[in-house]
Amino acid sequence: DLNTWISIGDTIPGSHGSTIFPWSVTLDSTGQRAIFLVDTNVVPIKGQGLRLNSKLGGGVSDLQGNFPSDTAAWGTLEIGPMPPRLKASAYPSVGRWDGSAPDPSEPLLQIYVRRGIGTQGEWKGLDGRPFGFADTLGRSTLVGAKLELNDVVDGAAYLYDNMGVFVAHIDLKPILEASTKGLVETDPRGRYEVWVAWNGVANGRTAPSGIYLMRIVAMRKVERRTAVQQKVVRMGWMLFGSR
């Protein structure tokens, strides 16, 4: 069965690994190379191995009909670069002024990160300090863009009002710097989320209600190339005090 040839897993004695069920398997013209197309449920981890399954597991034989035994040797599983991922959405969809005067010492835009994608976990600053959970029920004093990424990025975020007037910008390069210090946690596939958060201040004053646009320009190195992706996110800001 072409769809049950191989397993991946930890290269330890007695481990049979987990059989991979790809969408398709293609052999090249020599019959010496197979290409497996798998979905995102297959999540190999660095350090794991690859092995042929036994005959009972659906394995493959050579031209003489020899099948692997149940102790087929593990080979090194090499994980190559993944295609760049950048998904951006408003987070939360609307921010709300709480009636407080702007703090002149607070940056207009700030960056927070958390491990994985869609985990609903707590956010942390790039210095590793906990921020906590974001209010996504319409009472957040911060609003911005949430980025879903699978690698550290460089680039910038630019904020504009609905007339296209520039409000603020922030460099994304500190994400790279924090990553080298081990302050950006990722899941086994290298995925994490970034929240570029705006505090609702423009020109030293609380910004008026309206729709605001955040443009994300993200860059990362893929082998010898620089991959550039751009996203534009629409978000709302409301000038109402807390109730």
Protein backbone atom coordinates (compact mmCIF):
# COMPACT_ATOMS: atom_id res chain seq x y z
CA ASP A 1 0.00 0.00 0.00
CA LEU A 2 1.74 3.18 -1.17
CA ASN A 3 0.00 5.21 1.51
CA THR A 4 1.46 3.30 4.46
CA TRP A 5 5.10 2.98 3.51
CA ILE A 6 6.72 4.97 6.26
CA SER A 7 6.54 6.08 9.87
CA ILE A 8 8.10 8.91 11.81
CA GLY A 9 8.94 8.95 15.50
CA ASP A 10 11.59 8.96 18.19
CA THR A 11 14.64 6.86 17.31
CA ILE A 12 14.64 4.73 20.43
CA PRO A 13 14.63 0.92 20.79
CA GLY A 14 11.12 -0.55 20.63
CA SER A 15 9.58 2.54 19.04
CA HIS A 16 7.58 1.81 15.90
CA GLY A 17 6.68 5.43 15.31
CA SER A 18 3.49 6.75 13.76
CA THR A 19 2.46 5.72 10.26
CA ILE A 20 2.09 8.62 7.84
CA PHE A 21 -1.05 8.69 5.71
CA PRO A 22 -0.22 11.16 2.91
CA TRP A 23 -2.67 12.61 0.41
CA SER A 24 -0.58 11.24 -2.43
CA VAL A 25 2.68 9.41 -3.17
CA THR A 26 4.62 9.88 -6.41
CA LEU A 27 7.61 7.87 -7.64
CA ASP A 28 10.16 9.37 -10.00
CA SER A 29 11.09 7.72 -13.29
CA THR A 30 13.86 5.63 -11.68
CA GLY A 31 11.65 4.29 -8.93
CA GLN A 32 14.34 5.28 -6.44
CA ARG A 33 12.71 8.41 -5.06
CA ALA A 34 9.25 8.95 -3.57
CA ILE A 35 7.52 12.25 -2.86
CA PHE A 36 4.88 12.26 -0.13
CA LEU A 37 2.31 15.06 0.03
CA VAL A 38 1.07 15.40 3.61
CA ASP A 39 -1.29 17.79 5.39
CA THR A 40 -0.63 20.00 8.40
CA ASN A 41 -1.61 17.23 10.83
CA VAL A 42 1.81 15.68 10.20
CA VAL A 43 4.03 17.56 12.64
CA PRO A 44 7.59 16.14 12.68
CA ILE A 45 9.89 17.34 15.42
CA LYS A 46 13.57 18.07 15.00
CA GLY A 47 15.58 15.02 16.11
CA GLN A 48 13.00 12.43 15.10
CA GLY A 49 13.63 9.70 12.54
CA LEU A 50 12.05 8.10 9.50
CA ARG A 51 11.69 4.37 8.83
CA LEU A 52 10.04 1.93 6.42
CA ASN A 53 7.09 -0.01 7.78
CA SER A 54 7.03 -3.78 8.04
CA LYS A 55 4.99 -5.96 5.65
CA LEU A 56 2.17 -6.14 8.21
CA GLY A 57 2.15 -2.36 8.31
CA GLY A 58 1.71 -2.14 4.56
CA GLY A 59 5.41 -1.68 3.74
CA VAL A 60 7.23 -1.85 0.45
CA SER A 61 9.48 -4.57 -0.97
CA ASP A 62 12.43 -4.60 -3.34
CA LEU A 63 12.43 -6.35 -6.74
CA GLN A 64 13.23 -9.66 -5.02
CA GLY A 65 10.19 -9.38 -2.76
CA ASN A 66 12.12 -8.60 0.43
CA PHE A 67 10.13 -6.57 2.96
CA PRO A 68 11.50 -4.62 5.92
CA SER A 69 11.28 -6.41 9.23
CA ASP A 70 9.58 -4.85 12.26
CA THR A 71 13.02 -3.56 13.27
CA ALA A 72 13.83 -1.62 10.10
CA ALA A 73 16.56 0.91 10.79
CA TRP A 74 15.69 4.51 11.56
CA GLY A 75 17.02 7.15 9.22
CA THR A 76 17.58 10.80 10.04
CA LEU A 77 14.56 12.99 9.36
CA GLU A 78 15.71 16.28 7.91
CA ILE A 79 13.19 19.13 8.18
CA GLY A 80 13.60 21.70 5.45
CA PRO A 81 12.43 25.32 5.41
CA MET A 82 8.68 25.84 5.52
CA PRO A 83 6.90 28.29 3.22
CA PRO A 84 6.59 31.68 4.92
CA ARG A 85 3.30 32.16 6.72
CA LEU A 86 1.81 35.55 7.50
CA LYS A 87 -1.83 35.80 8.49
CA ALA A 88 -3.02 39.11 9.91
CA SER A 89 -6.34 40.03 11.54
CA ALA A 90 -7.71 42.80 13.74
CA TYR A 91 -7.17 42.07 17.42
CA PRO A 92 -9.49 42.86 19.00
CA SER A 93 -11.80 44.11 16.26
CA VAL A 94 -12.59 47.29 18.25
CA GLY A 95 -10.70 49.23 20.93
CA ARG A 96 -12.39 51.52 23.46
CA TRP A 97 -11.12 54.61 25.25
CA ASP A 98 -11.44 54.23 29.04
CA GLY A 99 -11.58 57.96 29.80
CA SER A 100 -7.98 58.25 30.96
CA ALA A 101 -5.65 60.96 29.72
CA PRO A 102 -2.87 59.74 27.38
CA ASP A 103 0.36 58.74 29.11
CA PRO A 104 3.15 60.62 27.27
CA SER A 105 5.72 58.02 28.38
CA GLU A 106 3.83 55.11 26.78
CA PRO A 107 4.78 54.09 23.22
CA LEU A 108 1.96 54.42 20.69
CA LEU A 109 2.63 50.92 19.38
CA GLN A 110 3.90 47.93 21.34
CA ILE A 111 4.72 44.33 20.43
CA TYR A 112 3.62 41.25 22.37
CA VAL A 113 4.17 37.58 21.51
CA ARG A 114 2.84 34.17 22.52
CA ARG A 115 3.54 30.55 21.65
CA GLY A 116 1.64 28.67 18.94
CA ILE A 117 -1.41 29.71 16.94
CA GLY A 118 -4.93 30.04 18.30
CA THR A 119 -3.91 29.00 21.80
CA GLN A 120 -5.74 31.79 23.67
CA GLY A 121 -2.71 31.96 25.95
CA GLU A 122 -1.17 34.90 27.76
CA TRP A 123 0.88 37.49 25.92
CA LYS A 124 4.42 38.49 26.82
CA GLY A 125 6.53 41.50 25.96
CA LEU A 126 9.70 41.08 23.94
CA ASP A 127 11.61 41.43 27.20
CA GLY A 128 9.90 38.26 28.45
CA ARG A 129 7.67 40.05 30.97
CA PRO A 130 4.08 38.75 31.14
CA PHE A 131 1.36 41.06 29.82
CA GLY A 132 -1.59 38.76 30.53
CA PHE A 133 -4.72 38.13 28.51
CA ALA A 134 -6.19 40.60 26.04
CA ASP A 135 -9.77 41.79 26.42
CA THR A 136 -11.55 40.70 23.24
CA LEU A 137 -15.08 41.52 24.47
CA GLY A 138 -15.17 45.16 23.38
CA ARG A 139 -13.57 46.87 26.39
CA SER A 140 -9.89 46.71 25.43
CA THR A 141 -7.91 49.96 25.57
CA LEU A 142 -5.47 48.42 23.08
CA VAL A 143 -6.32 47.50 19.50
CA GLY A 144 -4.16 46.38 16.63
CA ALA A 145 -3.18 43.47 14.42
CA LYS A 146 -2.55 39.86 15.40
CA LEU A 147 0.00 38.11 13.18
CA GLU A 148 0.29 34.35 12.80
CA LEU A 149 3.85 33.43 11.83
CA ASN A 150 6.04 30.36 11.43
CA ASP A 151 9.43 32.03 11.52
CA VAL A 152 11.06 35.11 12.99
CA VAL A 153 10.57 38.15 10.81
CA ASP A 154 11.92 41.58 10.07
CA GLY A 155 9.87 44.47 8.76
CA ALA A 156 7.54 47.11 10.16
CA ALA A 157 3.94 48.01 10.99
CA TYR A 158 2.38 51.32 9.89
CA LEU A 159 -0.85 52.78 11.28
CA TYR A 160 -3.09 55.21 9.35
CA ASP A 161 -6.50 56.76 9.90
CA ASN A 162 -9.34 56.21 7.42
CA MET A 163 -8.19 59.22 5.37
CA GLY A 164 -4.74 57.68 4.92
CA VAL A 165 -3.05 60.08 7.34
CA PHE A 166 -0.04 58.52 9.05
CA VAL A 167 -0.45 57.94 12.81
CA ALA A 168 2.44 55.74 13.99
CA HIS A 169 4.84 52.99 13.03
CA ILE A 170 6.97 50.37 14.78
CA ASP A 171 9.92 48.29 13.60
CA LEU A 172 9.53 44.50 13.80
CA LYS A 173 13.28 43.89 14.00
CA PRO A 174 13.16 43.61 17.84
CA ILE A 175 11.35 40.29 17.28
CA LEU A 176 14.52 38.95 15.65
CA GLU A 177 16.63 40.25 18.53
CA ALA A 178 14.31 38.77 21.16
CA SER A 179 14.30 35.45 19.31
CA THR A 180 18.09 35.17 19.47
CA LYS A 181 17.80 35.62 23.25
CA GLY A 182 15.21 32.83 23.52
CA LEU A 183 12.42 35.24 24.46
CA VAL A 184 10.07 34.28 21.59
CA GLU A 185 8.51 30.90 22.31
CA THR A 186 7.26 28.76 19.41
CA ASP A 187 5.45 25.45 19.06
CA PRO A 188 7.26 22.40 17.54
CA ARG A 189 6.56 23.75 14.05
CA GLY A 190 8.07 27.14 14.81
CA ARG A 191 4.71 28.93 14.93
CA TYR A 192 3.87 31.87 17.15
CA GLU A 193 1.66 34.94 17.29
CA VAL A 194 2.56 38.62 17.42
CA TRP A 195 0.22 41.34 18.63
CA VAL A 196 1.08 44.82 17.35
CA ALA A 197 -1.01 46.86 19.79
CA TRP A 198 -1.98 50.54 19.52
CA ASN A 199 -2.98 52.55 22.61
CA GLY A 200 -5.45 54.84 20.81
CA VAL A 201 -3.25 57.94 20.90
CA ALA A 202 -2.42 60.17 17.91
CA ASN A 203 -0.43 63.41 17.99
CA GLY A 204 -0.33 63.32 21.79
CA ARG A 205 -4.12 63.17 22.11
CA THR A 206 -6.73 60.46 22.35
CA ALA A 207 -7.57 59.61 18.75
CA PRO A 208 -11.10 60.25 17.42
CA SER A 209 -13.51 57.40 16.82
CA GLY A 210 -13.29 55.74 13.45
CA ILE A 211 -11.77 53.04 11.29
CA TYR A 212 -7.99 52.74 11.29
CA LEU A 213 -5.72 50.77 8.99
CA MET A 214 -2.55 48.91 9.93
CA ARG A 215 -0.19 47.89 7.14
CA ILE A 216 2.18 45.04 7.94
CA VAL A 217 5.35 44.58 5.88
CA ALA A 218 7.15 41.38 6.89
CA MET A 219 10.45 40.06 5.55
CA ARG A 220 12.38 36.91 6.20
CA LYS A 221 15.31 35.04 4.68
CA VAL A 222 14.49 31.83 2.79
CA GLU A 223 17.78 30.23 1.85
CA ARG A 224 19.44 33.00 -0.25
CA ARG A 225 16.27 34.92 -1.01
CA THR A 226 14.34 37.55 0.92
CA ALA A 227 10.62 36.83 1.03
CA VAL A 228 8.42 39.92 1.48
CA GLN A 229 4.74 39.76 2.44
CA GLN A 230 2.28 42.56 3.08
CA LYS A 231 -1.10 42.64 4.81
CA VAL A 232 -3.55 45.45 5.61
CA VAL A 233 -5.85 45.16 8.63
CA ARG A 234 -8.91 47.32 9.40
CA MET A 235 -9.79 47.98 13.04
CA GLY A 236 -12.18 50.20 14.96
CA TRP A 237 -11.56 52.75 17.71
CA MET A 238 -14.36 54.16 19.89
CA LEU A 239 -14.26 57.31 22.02
CA PHE A 240 -16.47 56.16 24.87
CA GLY A 241 -15.56 56.00 28.53
CA SER A 242 -15.83 52.90 30.67
CA ARG A 243 -19.21 51.97 32.09
